[in-house]
Amino acid sequence: MSRGRIFVFRDISLRVKMDYRHFLYKTALILPVLALFFTTPLFAQELSAIQENGVNILYDEPLRPASEEAIELYPFIKRDLERILHWKMEFMPTVILINDTTTFQMMTGNDLIVAYAVPYRDLMVIDYAKMKTEPFTLEAIMKHELCHLLLHKNIKDQNLPVWLDEGIAQWVSGGLADIIMDRYSVLDEAIFSNRLIRLKYLEKGFPDDGRRLILAYAESKSLTDYIISEYGPDGLLRLLDYLKDGEGINSAVQKAYAISFDELEKRWYDRLKKRATILTFLINNLYEILFFLSALLLIYGFIRVIIKKRSYEEYEDEDEDNELN
């Protein structure tokens, strides 16, 4: 086990660049200006370091037990991802565990984000303070972020839509996103109000507005789940292989499923609308349905009472017959 201490310096330009998935489309214009005006570090932080089991862990000293847990978890997470995606992980990632949520929010600019990956640095950064919040666990978050790194190692950025990147990461980590999601379905609400975000607007980045950001994650998961339900996990992997070979998302979908990407999106949307129709019916007729179910329960209870009463009377008749005999 290799241990040490390292000073990590972060400036504003790096802070903006690191959360590429949500702010890329904005920072492309302002990053050069920021680099000119903000050349000194915003703050410096001393982190401890461990390197073992094929992973580097940088951590705030109070998180030493968590860093040792990450070291132990990594080989199992790596092996599981290789099994699911059928790709070898031939790089050594770095995991930064941050103990202070305020510091983490300064790095991301968004209080919903729990963790993020920086593929060009083989890096994942985790707000460990949020690991105590359901449903987040260190194992699931590491698997989610490591999935991002593995995807970007095999697929060029321009060929990997952000919605697919996020959808697959949620799939491999058991549906867990790397942001704090609402307990109720923001997706259903968007379907009811006809406010779904078209997927073409989620190819290069996600909105930074909290509500639409959550919706973008929900749509990503939903479409990925739809692809798996229609074509199976092998169908999803077939799509990834075409993207790895250099195909864009439109041609990759055409080759993988023999339909256009627009048709895939339409079929997914129609599935959502069908589900929304059923939900709408249930909501609009909730009182009638509850009344009907209550009536059924009442009838069921009445029938049971009658059956028990008859059974009791028959039992008493048998006792009387036995006494006469």
Protein backbone atom coordinates (compact mmCIF):
# COMPACT_ATOMS: atom_id res chain seq x y z
CA MET A 1 0.00 0.00 0.00
CA SER A 2 1.37 3.37 -0.98
CA ARG A 3 0.38 6.30 1.21
CA GLY A 4 1.26 9.94 1.03
CA ARG A 5 -0.01 13.48 1.18
CA ILE A 6 -0.63 15.80 -1.70
CA PHE A 7 -1.67 19.42 -2.10
CA VAL A 8 -4.48 19.81 -4.60
CA PHE A 9 -4.82 23.30 -6.10
CA ARG A 10 -8.02 24.25 -7.87
CA ASP A 11 -8.69 27.47 -9.74
CA ILE A 12 -11.94 28.84 -11.13
CA SER A 13 -11.21 27.75 -14.70
CA LEU A 14 -10.61 24.16 -13.60
CA ARG A 15 -13.68 24.22 -11.38
CA VAL A 16 -15.88 25.20 -14.30
CA LYS A 17 -14.24 22.74 -16.70
CA MET A 18 -14.44 19.71 -14.44
CA ASP A 19 -18.22 19.44 -14.47
CA TYR A 20 -18.19 19.04 -18.24
CA ARG A 21 -21.44 17.13 -18.48
CA HIS A 22 -23.64 19.99 -17.27
CA PHE A 23 -21.76 23.13 -18.25
CA LEU A 24 -19.80 22.24 -21.41
CA TYR A 25 -22.06 24.15 -23.75
CA LYS A 26 -21.70 27.31 -21.63
CA THR A 27 -18.01 27.11 -20.69
CA ALA A 28 -16.90 26.65 -24.30
CA LEU A 29 -17.28 30.41 -24.74
CA ILE A 30 -16.23 31.77 -21.35
CA LEU A 31 -13.38 29.40 -20.40
CA PRO A 32 -10.64 31.26 -22.34
CA VAL A 33 -11.64 34.52 -20.67
CA LEU A 34 -11.64 32.91 -17.23
CA ALA A 35 -8.20 31.44 -17.86
CA LEU A 36 -6.83 34.93 -18.55
CA PHE A 37 -8.34 36.67 -15.54
CA PHE A 38 -8.15 33.95 -12.89
CA THR A 39 -4.62 32.62 -12.97
CA THR A 40 -4.08 32.16 -9.21
CA PRO A 41 -5.55 29.25 -7.22
CA LEU A 42 -8.91 29.84 -5.60
CA PHE A 43 -7.86 27.69 -2.65
CA ALA A 44 -5.42 24.95 -1.77
CA GLN A 45 -6.30 21.82 0.15
CA GLU A 46 -4.03 19.14 1.58
CA LEU A 47 -5.20 15.62 0.86
CA SER A 48 -3.86 12.25 1.94
CA ALA A 49 -3.27 9.57 -0.69
CA ILE A 50 -3.40 5.79 -0.99
CA GLN A 51 -2.54 3.75 -4.07
CA GLU A 52 -3.44 0.06 -4.08
CA ASN A 53 -5.55 -2.50 -5.99
CA GLY A 54 -5.19 -0.52 -9.22
CA VAL A 55 -6.72 2.72 -7.94
CA ASN A 56 -5.51 6.02 -6.46
CA ILE A 57 -7.53 7.46 -3.59
CA LEU A 58 -7.11 11.08 -2.48
CA TYR A 59 -9.04 12.00 0.63
CA ASP A 60 -9.55 14.46 3.46
CA GLU A 61 -7.81 12.94 6.49
CA PRO A 62 -11.05 12.33 8.47
CA LEU A 63 -12.09 10.05 5.60
CA ARG A 64 -9.26 7.53 6.02
CA PRO A 65 -11.72 4.68 6.83
CA ALA A 66 -13.76 5.60 3.74
CA SER A 67 -10.62 5.62 1.58
CA GLU A 68 -9.71 2.13 2.82
CA GLU A 69 -13.26 1.00 2.04
CA ALA A 70 -12.90 2.41 -1.49
CA ILE A 71 -9.63 0.52 -1.93
CA GLU A 72 -11.35 -2.73 -0.96
CA LEU A 73 -14.42 -2.07 -3.12
CA TYR A 74 -12.60 -1.11 -6.30
CA PRO A 75 -11.54 -4.59 -7.59
CA PHE A 76 -15.11 -5.87 -7.25
CA ILE A 77 -16.58 -2.78 -8.96
CA LYS A 78 -14.02 -3.02 -11.78
CA ARG A 79 -14.69 -6.71 -12.35
CA ASP A 80 -18.47 -6.19 -12.35
CA LEU A 81 -18.29 -3.35 -14.88
CA GLU A 82 -16.04 -5.40 -17.16
CA ARG A 83 -18.56 -8.24 -16.97
CA ILE A 84 -21.54 -5.98 -17.76
CA LEU A 85 -20.00 -3.90 -20.56
CA HIS A 86 -17.61 -6.56 -21.95
CA TRP A 87 -14.74 -4.07 -21.98
CA LYS A 88 -11.44 -4.32 -20.12
CA MET A 89 -10.47 -1.51 -17.79
CA GLU A 90 -6.83 -0.85 -18.64
CA PHE A 91 -6.27 2.40 -16.78
CA MET A 92 -5.80 3.46 -13.16
CA PRO A 93 -8.50 5.87 -12.00
CA THR A 94 -8.15 8.44 -9.25
CA VAL A 95 -10.91 8.93 -6.69
CA ILE A 96 -11.11 12.14 -4.66
CA LEU A 97 -13.23 11.91 -1.51
CA ILE A 98 -14.35 15.32 -0.27
CA ASN A 99 -15.57 15.65 3.30
CA ASP A 100 -16.90 19.21 3.07
CA THR A 101 -20.08 19.74 1.04
CA THR A 102 -19.41 23.49 0.76
CA THR A 103 -16.05 22.83 -0.87
CA PHE A 104 -17.63 20.31 -3.23
CA GLN A 105 -20.37 22.75 -4.24
CA MET A 106 -17.72 25.36 -5.04
CA MET A 107 -16.22 22.85 -7.47
CA THR A 108 -19.52 21.92 -9.17
CA GLY A 109 -21.63 25.05 -8.86
CA ASN A 110 -24.72 22.90 -8.18
CA ASP A 111 -25.96 21.63 -4.82
CA LEU A 112 -27.79 18.68 -6.42
CA ILE A 113 -24.64 16.97 -7.65
CA VAL A 114 -23.26 14.19 -5.44
CA ALA A 115 -20.33 13.09 -7.62
CA TYR A 116 -18.92 13.60 -11.10
CA ALA A 117 -16.32 12.12 -13.42
CA VAL A 118 -13.59 13.83 -15.45
CA PRO A 119 -12.73 11.30 -18.20
CA TYR A 120 -9.73 13.11 -19.68
CA ARG A 121 -8.08 12.86 -16.24
CA ASP A 122 -9.35 9.38 -15.29
CA LEU A 123 -10.80 11.11 -12.25
CA MET A 124 -13.95 10.86 -10.16
CA VAL A 125 -14.81 13.30 -7.36
CA ILE A 126 -17.27 12.31 -4.63
CA ASP A 127 -18.99 14.40 -1.97
CA TYR A 128 -18.64 11.82 0.78
CA ALA A 129 -20.78 13.84 3.17
CA LYS A 130 -23.80 12.88 1.03
CA MET A 131 -23.06 9.16 1.27
CA LYS A 132 -25.12 9.08 4.46
CA THR A 133 -28.21 10.05 2.46
CA GLU A 134 -30.44 7.36 0.96
CA PRO A 135 -30.05 5.84 -1.59
CA PHE A 136 -26.39 6.75 -2.01
CA THR A 137 -23.61 4.33 -1.13
CA LEU A 138 -19.92 4.57 -1.85
CA GLU A 139 -20.00 1.37 -3.92
CA ALA A 140 -22.90 2.48 -6.14
CA ILE A 141 -21.49 5.97 -6.68
CA MET A 142 -18.02 4.61 -7.53
CA LYS A 143 -19.57 2.18 -10.02
CA HIS A 144 -21.62 4.98 -11.58
CA GLU A 145 -18.65 7.30 -12.04
CA LEU A 146 -16.24 4.55 -13.08
CA CYS A 147 -18.75 3.60 -15.77
CA HIS A 148 -18.44 7.12 -17.19
CA LEU A 149 -14.66 6.76 -17.33
CA LEU A 150 -14.85 3.37 -19.05
CA LEU A 151 -17.38 4.59 -21.62
CA HIS A 152 -15.22 7.58 -22.53
CA LYS A 153 -12.12 5.39 -22.79
CA ASN A 154 -13.81 3.40 -25.52
CA ILE A 155 -16.08 5.93 -27.25
CA LYS A 156 -15.08 9.36 -28.51
CA ASP A 157 -16.85 12.23 -26.81
CA GLN A 158 -18.53 13.41 -30.01
CA ASN A 159 -20.03 9.95 -30.57
CA LEU A 160 -21.36 9.46 -27.02
CA PRO A 161 -24.51 11.44 -26.25
CA VAL A 162 -24.67 12.66 -22.69
CA TRP A 163 -28.14 11.13 -22.22
CA LEU A 164 -26.77 7.69 -23.14
CA ASP A 165 -23.66 8.21 -21.00
CA GLU A 166 -25.87 8.98 -18.00
CA GLY A 167 -28.48 6.36 -18.79
CA ILE A 168 -25.93 3.54 -18.89
CA ALA A 169 -24.21 4.75 -15.72
CA GLN A 170 -27.57 4.67 -13.93
CA TRP A 171 -28.31 1.21 -15.34
CA VAL A 172 -25.07 -0.39 -14.14
CA SER A 173 -25.40 1.21 -10.69
CA GLY A 174 -28.92 -0.09 -10.08
CA GLY A 175 -30.76 3.03 -11.21
CA LEU A 176 -28.72 5.42 -9.05
CA ALA A 177 -28.03 8.88 -10.46
CA ASP A 178 -25.15 11.06 -9.35
CA ILE A 179 -27.51 13.85 -8.33
CA ILE A 180 -30.19 14.12 -5.66
CA MET A 181 -33.48 13.09 -7.29
CA ASP A 182 -37.03 13.87 -6.18
CA ARG A 183 -38.91 11.04 -4.50
CA TYR A 184 -41.81 11.42 -6.94
CA SER A 185 -41.47 11.00 -10.69
CA VAL A 186 -40.57 14.23 -12.42
CA LEU A 187 -40.82 12.24 -15.66
CA ASP A 188 -44.53 11.53 -15.20
CA GLU A 189 -45.15 15.20 -14.47
CA ALA A 190 -43.35 16.19 -17.68
CA ILE A 191 -45.39 13.68 -19.69
CA PHE A 192 -48.67 15.01 -18.28
CA SER A 193 -47.70 18.60 -19.10
CA ASN A 194 -46.06 17.72 -22.45
CA ARG A 195 -42.72 19.20 -21.35
CA LEU A 196 -40.28 16.39 -22.10
CA ILE A 197 -36.87 17.58 -23.28
CA ARG A 198 -36.08 16.42 -26.83
CA LEU A 199 -33.09 14.12 -26.81
CA LYS A 200 -31.24 16.20 -29.39
CA TYR A 201 -30.92 18.87 -26.68
CA LEU A 202 -29.36 16.32 -24.30
CA GLU A 203 -26.58 15.12 -26.60
CA LYS A 204 -23.88 17.63 -25.63
CA GLY A 205 -24.87 18.56 -22.10
CA PHE A 206 -27.61 18.79 -19.49
CA PRO A 207 -29.49 21.89 -18.28
CA ASP A 208 -28.12 23.40 -15.06
CA ASP A 209 -31.58 24.41 -13.87
CA GLY A 210 -32.42 22.06 -11.00
CA ARG A 211 -35.83 20.90 -12.23
CA ARG A 212 -34.80 20.34 -15.83
CA LEU A 213 -31.52 18.76 -14.74
CA ILE A 214 -33.46 16.14 -12.76
CA LEU A 215 -35.75 15.60 -15.76
CA ALA A 216 -32.73 15.09 -18.03
CA TYR A 217 -31.44 12.34 -15.75
CA ALA A 218 -34.89 10.74 -15.58
CA GLU A 219 -35.26 10.76 -19.38
CA SER A 220 -31.79 9.27 -19.80
CA LYS A 221 -32.62 6.40 -17.51
CA SER A 222 -36.04 5.89 -19.06
CA LEU A 223 -34.79 5.63 -22.66
CA THR A 224 -31.92 3.33 -21.67
CA ASP A 225 -34.41 1.10 -19.84
CA TYR A 226 -36.64 1.16 -22.91
CA ILE A 227 -33.78 0.04 -25.18
CA ILE A 228 -33.01 -2.83 -22.81
CA SER A 229 -36.67 -3.84 -22.57
CA GLU A 230 -36.99 -3.92 -26.38
CA TYR A 231 -33.61 -5.29 -27.44
CA GLY A 232 -32.14 -6.76 -24.28
CA PRO A 233 -28.77 -5.98 -22.64
CA ASP A 234 -27.02 -7.44 -25.71
CA GLY A 235 -28.89 -4.94 -27.87
CA LEU A 236 -27.58 -2.08 -25.75
CA LEU A 237 -24.03 -3.44 -25.95
CA ARG A 238 -24.41 -3.76 -29.73
CA LEU A 239 -25.23 -0.05 -29.86
CA LEU A 240 -22.14 0.75 -27.78
CA ASP A 241 -19.93 -1.32 -30.06
CA TYR A 242 -21.06 0.69 -33.10
CA LEU A 243 -20.35 3.91 -31.22
CA LYS A 244 -16.93 2.54 -30.27
CA ASP A 245 -16.25 1.84 -33.95
CA GLY A 246 -16.75 5.54 -34.66
CA GLU A 247 -20.42 5.67 -35.66
CA GLY A 248 -22.55 8.62 -34.58
CA ILE A 249 -25.67 7.96 -32.55
CA ASN A 250 -27.98 8.17 -35.60
CA SER A 251 -26.08 5.64 -37.71
CA ALA A 252 -25.36 3.44 -34.66
CA VAL A 253 -29.08 3.16 -33.87
CA GLN A 254 -29.86 2.43 -37.53
CA LYS A 255 -27.28 -0.37 -37.67
CA ALA A 256 -28.12 -1.81 -34.25
CA TYR A 257 -31.94 -1.79 -34.50
CA ALA A 258 -32.76 -1.23 -38.19
CA ILE A 259 -34.75 1.91 -37.34
CA SER A 260 -33.86 5.59 -37.32
CA PHE A 261 -33.01 7.39 -34.12
CA ASP A 262 -36.11 9.56 -34.56
CA GLU A 263 -38.22 6.41 -34.75
CA LEU A 264 -36.58 5.03 -31.61
CA GLU A 265 -37.33 8.27 -29.76
CA LYS A 266 -40.93 8.23 -31.05
CA ARG A 267 -41.51 4.64 -29.91
CA TRP A 268 -40.09 5.43 -26.49
CA TYR A 269 -42.27 8.54 -26.27
CA ASP A 270 -45.37 6.57 -27.32
CA ARG A 271 -44.63 4.06 -24.55
CA LEU A 272 -44.43 6.89 -22.04
CA LYS A 273 -47.67 8.43 -23.30
CA LYS A 274 -49.43 5.09 -23.02
CA ARG A 275 -48.27 4.76 -19.43
CA ALA A 276 -49.30 8.34 -18.76
CA THR A 277 -52.79 7.61 -20.14
CA ILE A 278 -53.20 4.74 -17.71
CA LEU A 279 -51.90 6.86 -14.84
CA THR A 280 -54.19 9.71 -15.83
CA PHE A 281 -57.18 7.35 -15.82
CA LEU A 282 -56.22 6.06 -12.38
CA ILE A 283 -55.75 9.57 -10.99
CA ASN A 284 -58.94 10.98 -12.53
CA ASN A 285 -60.99 8.03 -11.25
CA LEU A 286 -59.18 7.59 -7.96
CA TYR A 287 -62.23 8.10 -5.73
CA GLU A 288 -64.41 5.81 -7.84
CA ILE A 289 -61.70 3.13 -7.82
CA LEU A 290 -61.24 3.42 -4.06
CA PHE A 291 -65.02 3.26 -3.56
CA PHE A 292 -65.24 0.17 -5.78
CA LEU A 293 -62.37 -1.53 -3.95
CA SER A 294 -63.94 -0.65 -0.59
CA ALA A 295 -67.24 -2.16 -1.77
CA LEU A 296 -65.45 -5.33 -2.86
CA LEU A 297 -63.72 -5.59 0.52
CA LEU A 298 -67.05 -5.06 2.28
CA ILE A 299 -68.71 -7.77 0.18
CA TYR A 300 -65.76 -10.08 0.74
CA GLY A 301 -65.95 -9.49 4.49
CA PHE A 302 -69.73 -10.08 4.48
CA ILE A 303 -69.32 -13.37 2.59
CA ARG A 304 -66.66 -14.51 5.03
CA VAL A 305 -68.95 -13.76 7.98
CA ILE A 306 -71.76 -15.77 6.36
CA ILE A 307 -69.41 -18.69 5.63
CA LYS A 308 -68.12 -18.69 9.21
CA LYS A 309 -71.68 -18.47 10.56
CA ARG A 310 -72.81 -21.42 8.45
CA SER A 311 -69.74 -23.42 9.43
CA TYR A 312 -70.46 -22.70 13.08
CA GLU A 313 -74.13 -23.75 12.69
CA GLU A 314 -73.13 -26.97 10.93
CA TYR A 315 -70.64 -27.68 13.70
CA GLU A 316 -73.36 -27.17 16.34
CA ASP A 317 -75.75 -29.47 14.41
CA GLU A 318 -73.08 -32.17 14.33
CA ASP A 319 -72.57 -31.81 18.10
CA GLU A 320 -76.31 -32.18 18.69
CA ASP A 321 -76.44 -35.30 16.50
CA ASN A 322 -73.52 -36.80 18.39
CA GLU A 323 -75.20 -36.14 21.73
CA LEU A 324 -78.47 -37.81 20.55
CA ASN A 325 -76.53 -40.85 19.38
